[in-house]
Structures are given as C-alpha cells and as structure tokens.
Amino acid sequence: MVSSMAPAPTDKNSMPPLRTVPLAMVPRTCATAEVPLIVKPVAEGSSKGVVSKSVCHSESELREVVREIVDKYQQPGLVEEYISGREFTVGLLGEKRPKVLPPMEIVFLDKAERTPVYSFQHKLDWNDRIRYDVPANLDPSQLERLKAASRAAFMALGCRDVARMDFRMDEKGRFYFLECNPLPGLTPGWSDLVLIAQGGGMDYRTLIGEILSGAIRRYKEREQRKNGNGAPKSGYEERATVASTDPLRLEAKA
C-alpha cells in the first residue's frame, strides 16, 4: 500500500485522504511519487521493521524492502514519501477535548545520516544515537500549530484516553503527520510518552491515573445506568471521586 503525504491539518475536517495502490503498481507509483520513499510494516509498533534501509531511492530498493517486510511480518508494507527535517512526537490525554502534553523532539546525533529515521535500533541505543528534547525547542507559532494538528488528528481518528502523534517538520516549517500511536508504550523511564510526561512535570503515577480516569468514569456511569440509579454524577463530583482513587492500587476482581 502506498500513502501520499500532505502537511498536517489543524482541524479534523481538513484531514487529507490517503491514496492506496497494490504492489503491482509500484513502478507507476515510483514514477509519480517523490523519492526517497520510506517503507514500514502496516500494522506493527515500536518501530519494528523500520531500519536505515527502509528509506528507498529506487524501485529495486523499494521492492526488496517490501518483500522482506511481507516475508518477515506476514503483512503488507506501507510506502510513504520520506519527509526530511526535524521529528516530533506529541502525547495527548483525555477524550473529546484532550490535554496536549509538551511536544518532544527526537534529535538525531549522527549528522552523517542523510535520511535519518527513528528506527527500532535507535530506541534500543538511544543514549548514543539520539537525544530527546522535551519540551521541544519551537517558537510560539510552531508550537501552537503542532498542538492544533495533534488535537485534530486525535479527534479525527476517534482516539480516547491516550495517544501519541508523530510528526516531521520540513525546512519551510510545515508539519507533516506521520502516524498515530493509539496504545503508546508505558515502560517507566524509557517509553516516549513517559519521557514526555516527565518533561512536562508529570510523574509516572499521575500519568497512569490520567489515562485510567476516563475509563473509571465511563465504567461508573455504565454501572449507574445498569442499576437504574439515576443520572451520573456531575463532572465536578466525578473528578473528585477519580482524584481520590489511586488507579495503581486497584485490584482485579473475579
């Protein structure tokens, strides 16, 4: 499958459509798309399947990488235009009006890399190969545009409770939406979302509490409706109840 890239929208009604084509049309796609292209598994996470050779400069390179992905991961390869520039990731918490956490920039330290990608190997050896800057060094206008695009993507994709959005910014200052991580990693001291929260002054326990608060509220509202106990609590009462509950101490009940 091949998707076309467009600058990130700032509202959910301007999300650009994706264009998909079968592998048989790769030659035509290469003739019309701007190279380099980047290939990754269509349904993996944590940058699995994304390595330096994922950036392709010709049809032969593209076919080779797609074949490797199909053979190894037993799924299609997603082909996109490679966007050069700075890379950012943005965490969001909540539902209809999500809280946007401070954006984090992934800074590639090897300046010899002409087409760097945030690969699986980078995540394993991040101390030597990349640097995380959070909050990201952006001017006020860039920051607001990135936050607006993140919120628009969150809402357009129907996310809730938590998500992380990845972007690139080209040399003209245009942001490009790369992908959504609707179930981002939560490994303490390592996962991107945890580092973003820490950079914004939020500790791990608070982060987990924020993620679970919406689910706790929805569960209580469902139980109230099921038991016929009347209307749910007001927003103020519900927030007070959730704040008094430590989600990390909740125990599963049979």
Foldseek 3Di string as FASTA:
>chain_A
DEFEWDFFDLAQVPGDDTDDDDPVCLVVCLVPDDDFKFKAFPDDDLQVLGDLLRGDDDSVSPVVSQVVCCVPVVGGIYIYHQADAWKKKWKWFFALQIDIFQIKTKAFDPPVRPRDDCHNVCLVVVVPTTDIDPNDPDPPVLRVSVRSSVSNVCVNVRAGGMKMWMWGAHPVRTIITDDIGNPFDLDAPRTPVQVRCVSRVHHSQRSVLRSCLVVVQVVVQVVCVVVVVDHGDDPVVSVVVSVVDRVVPDDDDD
